[in-house]
Amino acid sequence: MLTPGERETVLRWSEDRGEGLSLYTASPRVFRRLEEAGFRPSRVSHGADGVPVAWEFSLPADARSWRRLRGALNKVFSR
């Protein structure tokens, strides 16, 4: 199990390449909120015990995706 300091979430967006957004999270709480918002991970990393420990999402960089992402993350950070 990861410590709270290891449960990071990273959002990458490259304007130049037009690839959209890439979001990586090692936070089960962030993962659950993204899943509830309808996002599905493009990659799942598992620990030695086979339990998922990190998730990567590839998202289009359109206004609808931004709104859904913002809504999901707001639920994580507004307790």
PDB file of N, CA and C in Angstrom:
ATOM      1  N   MET A   1       0.838  -1.183   0.000  1.00  0.00           N
ATOM      2  CA  MET A   1       0.000   0.000   0.000  1.00  0.00           C
ATOM      3  C   MET A   1       0.885   1.248   0.000  1.00  0.00           C
ATOM      4  N   LEU A   2       0.461   2.228  -0.747  1.00  0.00           N
ATOM      5  CA  LEU A   2       1.237   3.459  -0.854  1.00  0.00           C
ATOM      6  C   LEU A   2       0.968   4.385   0.326  1.00  0.00           C
ATOM      7  N   THR A   3       1.981   5.150   0.676  1.00  0.00           N
ATOM      8  CA  THR A   3       1.806   6.152   1.725  1.00  0.00           C
ATOM      9  C   THR A   3       1.048   7.344   1.133  1.00  0.00           C
ATOM     10  N   PRO A   4       0.457   8.192   1.970  1.00  0.00           N
ATOM     11  CA  PRO A   4      -0.245   9.365   1.439  1.00  0.00           C
ATOM     12  C   PRO A   4       0.644  10.232   0.540  1.00  0.00           C
ATOM     13  N   GLY A   5       1.915  10.340   0.849  1.00  0.00           N
ATOM     14  CA  GLY A   5       2.825  11.129   0.026  1.00  0.00           C
ATOM     15  C   GLY A   5       3.090  10.529  -1.345  1.00  0.00           C
ATOM     16  N   GLU A   6       2.881   9.230  -1.478  1.00  0.00           N
ATOM     17  CA  GLU A   6       3.099   8.555  -2.761  1.00  0.00           C
ATOM     18  C   GLU A   6       1.845   8.534  -3.636  1.00  0.00           C
ATOM     19  N   ARG A   7       0.725   8.924  -3.094  1.00  0.00           N
ATOM     20  CA  ARG A   7      -0.537   8.897  -3.844  1.00  0.00           C
ATOM     21  C   ARG A   7      -0.709  10.185  -4.641  1.00  0.00           C
ATOM     22  N   GLU A   8       0.134  10.336  -5.640  1.00  0.00           N
ATOM     23  CA  GLU A   8       0.126  11.566  -6.423  1.00  0.00           C
ATOM     24  C   GLU A   8      -0.824  11.469  -7.611  1.00  0.00           C
ATOM     25  N   THR A   9      -1.194  12.628  -8.120  1.00  0.00           N
ATOM     26  CA  THR A   9      -1.981  12.731  -9.344  1.00  0.00           C
ATOM     27  C   THR A   9      -1.294  13.761 -10.226  1.00  0.00           C
ATOM     28  N   VAL A  10      -1.030  13.378 -11.472  1.00  0.00           N
ATOM     29  CA  VAL A  10      -0.310  14.238 -12.406  1.00  0.00           C
ATOM     30  C   VAL A  10      -1.155  14.398 -13.664  1.00  0.00           C
ATOM     31  N   LEU A  11      -1.362  15.636 -14.063  1.00  0.00           N
ATOM     32  CA  LEU A  11      -2.099  15.953 -15.282  1.00  0.00           C
ATOM     33  C   LEU A  11      -1.122  16.554 -16.281  1.00  0.00           C
ATOM     34  N   ARG A  12      -1.044  15.958 -17.473  1.00  0.00           N
ATOM     35  CA  ARG A  12      -0.149  16.468 -18.521  1.00  0.00           C
ATOM     36  C   ARG A  12      -0.983  16.880 -19.724  1.00  0.00           C
ATOM     37  N   TRP A  13      -0.617  18.012 -20.283  1.00  0.00           N
ATOM     38  CA  TRP A  13      -1.305  18.504 -21.465  1.00  0.00           C
ATOM     39  C   TRP A  13      -0.293  19.191 -22.350  1.00  0.00           C
ATOM     40  N   SER A  14      -0.172  18.728 -23.569  1.00  0.00           N
ATOM     41  CA  SER A  14       0.753  19.326 -24.520  1.00  0.00           C
ATOM     42  C   SER A  14      -0.048  20.027 -25.607  1.00  0.00           C
ATOM     43  N   GLU A  15       0.046  21.334 -25.644  1.00  0.00           N
ATOM     44  CA  GLU A  15      -0.658  22.098 -26.671  1.00  0.00           C
ATOM     45  C   GLU A  15      -0.088  21.827 -28.058  1.00  0.00           C
ATOM     46  N   ASP A  16       1.207  21.604 -28.136  1.00  0.00           N
ATOM     47  CA  ASP A  16       1.870  21.441 -29.427  1.00  0.00           C
ATOM     48  C   ASP A  16       1.430  20.192 -30.174  1.00  0.00           C
ATOM     49  N   ARG A  17       1.305  19.107 -29.466  1.00  0.00           N
ATOM     50  CA  ARG A  17       1.041  17.837 -30.135  1.00  0.00           C
ATOM     51  C   ARG A  17      -0.439  17.570 -30.369  1.00  0.00           C
ATOM     52  N   GLY A  18      -1.300  18.282 -29.696  1.00  0.00           N
ATOM     53  CA  GLY A  18      -2.723  18.068 -29.875  1.00  0.00           C
ATOM     54  C   GLY A  18      -3.181  16.684 -29.451  1.00  0.00           C
ATOM     55  N   GLU A  19      -2.456  16.074 -28.552  1.00  0.00           N
ATOM     56  CA  GLU A  19      -2.771  14.712 -28.129  1.00  0.00           C
ATOM     57  C   GLU A  19      -3.878  14.651 -27.085  1.00  0.00           C
ATOM     58  N   GLY A  20      -4.245  15.750 -26.540  1.00  0.00           N
ATOM     59  CA  GLY A  20      -5.230  15.733 -25.476  1.00  0.00           C
ATOM     60  C   GLY A  20      -4.549  15.715 -24.123  1.00  0.00           C
ATOM     61  N   LEU A  21      -5.231  15.155 -23.162  1.00  0.00           N
ATOM     62  CA  LEU A  21      -4.754  15.148 -21.784  1.00  0.00           C
ATOM     63  C   LEU A  21      -4.314  13.757 -21.378  1.00  0.00           C
ATOM     64  N   SER A  22      -3.333  13.719 -20.520  1.00  0.00           N
ATOM     65  CA  SER A  22      -2.904  12.468 -19.920  1.00  0.00           C
ATOM     66  C   SER A  22      -2.941  12.675 -18.414  1.00  0.00           C
ATOM     67  N   LEU A  23      -3.636  11.806 -17.717  1.00  0.00           N
ATOM     68  CA  LEU A  23      -3.734  11.921 -16.272  1.00  0.00           C
ATOM     69  C   LEU A  23      -3.267  10.615 -15.653  1.00  0.00           C
ATOM     70  N   TYR A  24      -2.338  10.724 -14.714  1.00  0.00           N
ATOM     71  CA  TYR A  24      -1.825   9.574 -13.969  1.00  0.00           C
ATOM     72  C   TYR A  24      -2.190   9.787 -12.512  1.00  0.00           C
ATOM     73  N   THR A  25      -2.702   8.752 -11.875  1.00  0.00           N
ATOM     74  CA  THR A  25      -2.974   8.862 -10.446  1.00  0.00           C
ATOM     75  C   THR A  25      -2.629   7.565  -9.726  1.00  0.00           C
ATOM     76  N   ALA A  26      -2.082   7.722  -8.547  1.00  0.00           N
ATOM     77  CA  ALA A  26      -1.832   6.596  -7.656  1.00  0.00           C
ATOM     78  C   ALA A  26      -2.755   6.713  -6.446  1.00  0.00           C
ATOM     79  N   SER A  27      -3.786   7.526  -6.583  1.00  0.00           N
ATOM     80  CA  SER A  27      -4.750   7.742  -5.507  1.00  0.00           C
ATOM     81  C   SER A  27      -6.039   6.973  -5.801  1.00  0.00           C
ATOM     82  N   PRO A  28      -6.366   5.991  -4.980  1.00  0.00           N
ATOM     83  CA  PRO A  28      -7.619   5.267  -5.189  1.00  0.00           C
ATOM     84  C   PRO A  28      -8.839   6.198  -5.142  1.00  0.00           C
ATOM     85  N   ARG A  29      -8.767   7.223  -4.315  1.00  0.00           N
ATOM     86  CA  ARG A  29      -9.886   8.161  -4.203  1.00  0.00           C
ATOM     87  C   ARG A  29     -10.084   8.933  -5.502  1.00  0.00           C
ATOM     88  N   VAL A  30      -8.998   9.411  -6.106  1.00  0.00           N
ATOM     89  CA  VAL A  30      -9.094  10.114  -7.390  1.00  0.00           C
ATOM     90  C   VAL A  30      -9.581   9.145  -8.464  1.00  0.00           C
ATOM     91  N   PHE A  31      -9.049   7.930  -8.470  1.00  0.00           N
ATOM     92  CA  PHE A  31      -9.486   6.929  -9.447  1.00  0.00           C
ATOM     93  C   PHE A  31     -10.994   6.702  -9.359  1.00  0.00           C
ATOM     94  N   ARG A  32     -11.508   6.517  -8.150  1.00  0.00           N
ATOM     95  CA  ARG A  32     -12.952   6.266  -7.990  1.00  0.00           C
ATOM     96  C   ARG A  32     -13.785   7.422  -8.528  1.00  0.00           C
ATOM     97  N   ARG A  33     -13.367   8.644  -8.247  1.00  0.00           N
ATOM     98  CA  ARG A  33     -14.123   9.814  -8.725  1.00  0.00           C
ATOM     99  C   ARG A  33     -14.082   9.918 -10.251  1.00  0.00           C
ATOM    100  N   LEU A  34     -12.938   9.625 -10.837  1.00  0.00           N
ATOM    101  CA  LEU A  34     -12.844   9.655 -12.296  1.00  0.00           C
ATOM    102  C   LEU A  34     -13.722   8.569 -12.914  1.00  0.00           C
ATOM    103  N   GLU A  35     -13.711   7.409 -12.303  1.00  0.00           N
ATOM    104  CA  GLU A  35     -14.540   6.313 -12.800  1.00  0.00           C
ATOM    105  C   GLU A  35     -16.027   6.663 -12.681  1.00  0.00           C
ATOM    106  N   GLU A  36     -16.413   7.271 -11.575  1.00  0.00           N
ATOM    107  CA  GLU A  36     -17.802   7.697 -11.392  1.00  0.00           C
ATOM    108  C   GLU A  36     -18.214   8.727 -12.444  1.00  0.00           C
ATOM    109  N   ALA A  37     -17.252   9.535 -12.911  1.00  0.00           N
ATOM    110  CA  ALA A  37     -17.529  10.553 -13.928  1.00  0.00           C
ATOM    111  C   ALA A  37     -17.544   9.964 -15.338  1.00  0.00           C
ATOM    112  N   GLY A  38     -17.297   8.667 -15.449  1.00  0.00           N
ATOM    113  CA  GLY A  38     -17.366   8.008 -16.749  1.00  0.00           C
ATOM    114  C   GLY A  38     -16.038   7.822 -17.454  1.00  0.00           C
ATOM    115  N   PHE A  39     -14.944   8.183 -16.808  1.00  0.00           N
ATOM    116  CA  PHE A  39     -13.627   7.985 -17.414  1.00  0.00           C
ATOM    117  C   PHE A  39     -13.157   6.557 -17.150  1.00  0.00           C
ATOM    118  N   ARG A  40     -12.491   5.974 -18.133  1.00  0.00           N
ATOM    119  CA  ARG A  40     -11.954   4.623 -17.996  1.00  0.00           C
ATOM    120  C   ARG A  40     -10.442   4.678 -18.183  1.00  0.00           C
ATOM    121  N   PRO A  41      -9.691   3.992 -17.329  1.00  0.00           N
ATOM    122  CA  PRO A  41      -8.228   4.044 -17.455  1.00  0.00           C
ATOM    123  C   PRO A  41      -7.746   3.358 -18.728  1.00  0.00           C
ATOM    124  N   SER A  42      -6.708   3.940 -19.313  1.00  0.00           N
ATOM    125  CA  SER A  42      -6.093   3.327 -20.488  1.00  0.00           C
ATOM    126  C   SER A  42      -5.007   2.343 -20.066  1.00  0.00           C
ATOM    127  N   ARG A  43      -4.564   2.472 -18.815  1.00  0.00           N
ATOM    128  CA  ARG A  43      -3.525   1.574 -18.293  1.00  0.00           C
ATOM    129  C   ARG A  43      -3.680   1.465 -16.783  1.00  0.00           C
ATOM    130  N   VAL A  44      -3.503   0.259 -16.266  1.00  0.00           N
ATOM    131  CA  VAL A  44      -3.569   0.016 -14.824  1.00  0.00           C
ATOM    132  C   VAL A  44      -2.274  -0.670 -14.407  1.00  0.00           C
ATOM    133  N   SER A  45      -1.625  -0.130 -13.383  1.00  0.00           N
ATOM    134  CA  SER A  45      -0.406  -0.742 -12.841  1.00  0.00           C
ATOM    135  C   SER A  45      -0.761  -1.476 -11.556  1.00  0.00           C
ATOM    136  N   HIS A  46      -0.201  -2.667 -11.411  1.00  0.00           N
ATOM    137  CA  HIS A  46      -0.488  -3.500 -10.246  1.00  0.00           C
ATOM    138  C   HIS A  46       0.753  -3.643  -9.370  1.00  0.00           C
ATOM    139  N   GLY A  47       0.519  -3.760  -8.072  1.00  0.00           N
ATOM    140  CA  GLY A  47       1.604  -4.001  -7.131  1.00  0.00           C
ATOM    141  C   GLY A  47       2.019  -5.460  -7.167  1.00  0.00           C
ATOM    142  N   ALA A  48       2.992  -5.808  -6.361  1.00  0.00           N
ATOM    143  CA  ALA A  48       3.505  -7.181  -6.317  1.00  0.00           C
ATOM    144  C   ALA A  48       2.421  -8.179  -5.920  1.00  0.00           C
ATOM    145  N   ASP A  49       1.441  -7.704  -5.154  1.00  0.00           N
ATOM    146  CA  ASP A  49       0.361  -8.588  -4.715  1.00  0.00           C
ATOM    147  C   ASP A  49      -0.793  -8.656  -5.715  1.00  0.00           C
ATOM    148  N   GLY A  50      -0.643  -7.977  -6.861  1.00  0.00           N
ATOM    149  CA  GLY A  50      -1.664  -8.016  -7.897  1.00  0.00           C
ATOM    150  C   GLY A  50      -2.768  -6.983  -7.746  1.00  0.00           C
ATOM    151  N   VAL A  51      -2.706  -6.194  -6.699  1.00  0.00           N
ATOM    152  CA  VAL A  51      -3.724  -5.169  -6.451  1.00  0.00           C
ATOM    153  C   VAL A  51      -3.381  -3.915  -7.264  1.00  0.00           C
ATOM    154  N   PRO A  52      -4.367  -3.297  -7.929  1.00  0.00           N
ATOM    155  CA  PRO A  52      -4.083  -2.064  -8.672  1.00  0.00           C
ATOM    156  C   PRO A  52      -3.549  -0.965  -7.749  1.00  0.00           C
ATOM    157  N   VAL A  53      -2.489  -0.296  -8.198  1.00  0.00           N
ATOM    158  CA  VAL A  53      -1.888   0.778  -7.397  1.00  0.00           C
ATOM    159  C   VAL A  53      -1.818   2.103  -8.141  1.00  0.00           C
ATOM    160  N   ALA A  54      -2.015   2.089  -9.463  1.00  0.00           N
ATOM    161  CA  ALA A  54      -1.953   3.326 -10.238  1.00  0.00           C
ATOM    162  C   ALA A  54      -2.757   3.167 -11.519  1.00  0.00           C
ATOM    163  N   TRP A  55      -3.275   4.291 -11.998  1.00  0.00           N
ATOM    164  CA  TRP A  55      -4.122   4.296 -13.181  1.00  0.00           C
ATOM    165  C   TRP A  55      -3.717   5.450 -14.079  1.00  0.00           C
ATOM    166  N   GLU A  56      -3.752   5.213 -15.386  1.00  0.00           N
ATOM    167  CA  GLU A  56      -3.453   6.269 -16.346  1.00  0.00           C
ATOM    168  C   GLU A  56      -4.653   6.433 -17.269  1.00  0.00           C
ATOM    169  N   PHE A  57      -4.998   7.681 -17.523  1.00  0.00           N
ATOM    170  CA  PHE A  57      -6.139   8.010 -18.365  1.00  0.00           C
ATOM    171  C   PHE A  57      -5.669   8.860 -19.536  1.00  0.00           C
ATOM    172  N   SER A  58      -6.216   8.612 -20.711  1.00  0.00           N
ATOM    173  CA  SER A  58      -5.981   9.455 -21.889  1.00  0.00           C
ATOM    174  C   SER A  58      -7.316  10.101 -22.227  1.00  0.00           C
ATOM    175  N   LEU A  59      -7.344  11.423 -22.211  1.00  0.00           N
ATOM    176  CA  LEU A  59      -8.593  12.150 -22.385  1.00  0.00           C
ATOM    177  C   LEU A  59      -8.475  13.147 -23.526  1.00  0.00           C
ATOM    178  N   PRO A  60      -9.552  13.351 -24.269  1.00  0.00           N
ATOM    179  CA  PRO A  60      -9.512  14.403 -25.282  1.00  0.00           C
ATOM    180  C   PRO A  60      -9.474  15.771 -24.597  1.00  0.00           C
ATOM    181  N   ALA A  61      -8.837  16.729 -25.230  1.00  0.00           N
ATOM    182  CA  ALA A  61      -8.715  18.074 -24.644  1.00  0.00           C
ATOM    183  C   ALA A  61      -9.850  18.963 -25.132  1.00  0.00           C
ATOM    184  N   ASP A  62     -11.077  18.495 -24.967  1.00  0.00           N
ATOM    185  CA  ASP A  62     -12.219  19.314 -25.367  1.00  0.00           C
ATOM    186  C   ASP A  62     -12.932  19.849 -24.124  1.00  0.00           C
ATOM    187  N   ALA A  63     -13.810  20.806 -24.334  1.00  0.00           N
ATOM    188  CA  ALA A  63     -14.476  21.477 -23.215  1.00  0.00           C
ATOM    189  C   ALA A  63     -15.297  20.500 -22.372  1.00  0.00           C
ATOM    190  N   ARG A  64     -15.948  19.552 -23.005  1.00  0.00           N
ATOM    191  CA  ARG A  64     -16.774  18.593 -22.257  1.00  0.00           C
ATOM    192  C   ARG A  64     -15.915  17.741 -21.317  1.00  0.00           C
ATOM    193  N   SER A  65     -14.786  17.258 -21.819  1.00  0.00           N
ATOM    194  CA  SER A  65     -13.889  16.454 -20.979  1.00  0.00           C
ATOM    195  C   SER A  65     -13.333  17.274 -19.826  1.00  0.00           C
ATOM    196  N   TRP A  66     -12.981  18.534 -20.104  1.00  0.00           N
ATOM    197  CA  TRP A  66     -12.476  19.411 -19.041  1.00  0.00           C
ATOM    198  C   TRP A  66     -13.518  19.585 -17.942  1.00  0.00           C
ATOM    199  N   ARG A  67     -14.776  19.804 -18.339  1.00  0.00           N
ATOM    200  CA  ARG A  67     -15.840  19.991 -17.339  1.00  0.00           C
ATOM    201  C   ARG A  67     -16.037  18.731 -16.506  1.00  0.00           C
ATOM    202  N   ARG A  68     -16.059  17.582 -17.164  1.00  0.00           N
ATOM    203  CA  ARG A  68     -16.220  16.318 -16.433  1.00  0.00           C
ATOM    204  C   ARG A  68     -15.044  16.075 -15.501  1.00  0.00           C
ATOM    205  N   LEU A  69     -13.837  16.344 -15.984  1.00  0.00           N
ATOM    206  CA  LEU A  69     -12.641  16.156 -15.168  1.00  0.00           C
ATOM    207  C   LEU A  69     -12.649  17.104 -13.975  1.00  0.00           C
ATOM    208  N   ARG A  70     -12.960  18.359 -14.229  1.00  0.00           N
ATOM    209  CA  ARG A  70     -13.005  19.344 -13.142  1.00  0.00           C
ATOM    210  C   ARG A  70     -14.049  18.949 -12.101  1.00  0.00           C
ATOM    211  N   GLY A  71     -15.208  18.489 -12.549  1.00  0.00           N
ATOM    212  CA  GLY A  71     -16.245  18.061 -11.615  1.00  0.00           C
ATOM    213  C   GLY A  71     -15.796  16.891 -10.757  1.00  0.00           C
ATOM    214  N   ALA A  72     -15.117  15.928 -11.373  1.00  0.00           N
ATOM    215  CA  ALA A  72     -14.634  14.761 -10.624  1.00  0.00           C
ATOM    216  C   ALA A  72     -13.571  15.165  -9.610  1.00  0.00           C
ATOM    217  N   LEU A  73     -12.637  16.015 -10.023  1.00  0.00           N
ATOM    218  CA  LEU A  73     -11.569  16.429  -9.112  1.00  0.00           C
ATOM    219  C   LEU A  73     -12.093  17.341  -8.005  1.00  0.00           C
ATOM    220  N   ASN A  74     -13.097  18.149  -8.303  1.00  0.00           N
ATOM    221  CA  ASN A  74     -13.697  18.983  -7.256  1.00  0.00           C
ATOM    222  C   ASN A  74     -14.281  18.121  -6.143  1.00  0.00           C
ATOM    223  N   LYS A  75     -14.843  16.976  -6.493  1.00  0.00           N
ATOM    224  CA  LYS A  75     -15.405  16.078  -5.479  1.00  0.00           C
ATOM    225  C   LYS A  75     -14.313  15.489  -4.595  1.00  0.00           C
ATOM    226  N   VAL A  76     -13.124  15.330  -5.139  1.00  0.00           N
ATOM    227  CA  VAL A  76     -12.007  14.790  -4.361  1.00  0.00           C
ATOM    228  C   VAL A  76     -11.502  15.824  -3.365  1.00  0.00           C
ATOM    229  N   PHE A  77     -11.356  17.054  -3.836  1.00  0.00           N
ATOM    230  CA  PHE A  77     -10.690  18.065  -3.024  1.00  0.00           C
ATOM    231  C   PHE A  77     -11.625  18.937  -2.202  1.00  0.00           C
ATOM    232  N   SER A  78     -12.921  18.774  -2.350  1.00  0.00           N
ATOM    233  CA  SER A  78     -13.856  19.529  -1.504  1.00  0.00           C
ATOM    234  C   SER A  78     -14.549  18.546  -0.575  1.00  0.00           C
ATOM    235  N   ARG A  79     -14.033  18.445   0.596  1.00  0.00           N
ATOM    236  CA  ARG A  79     -14.567  17.473   1.561  1.00  0.00           C
ATOM    237  C   ARG A  79     -15.688  18.062   2.350  1.00  0.00           C
TER     238      ARG A  79
END
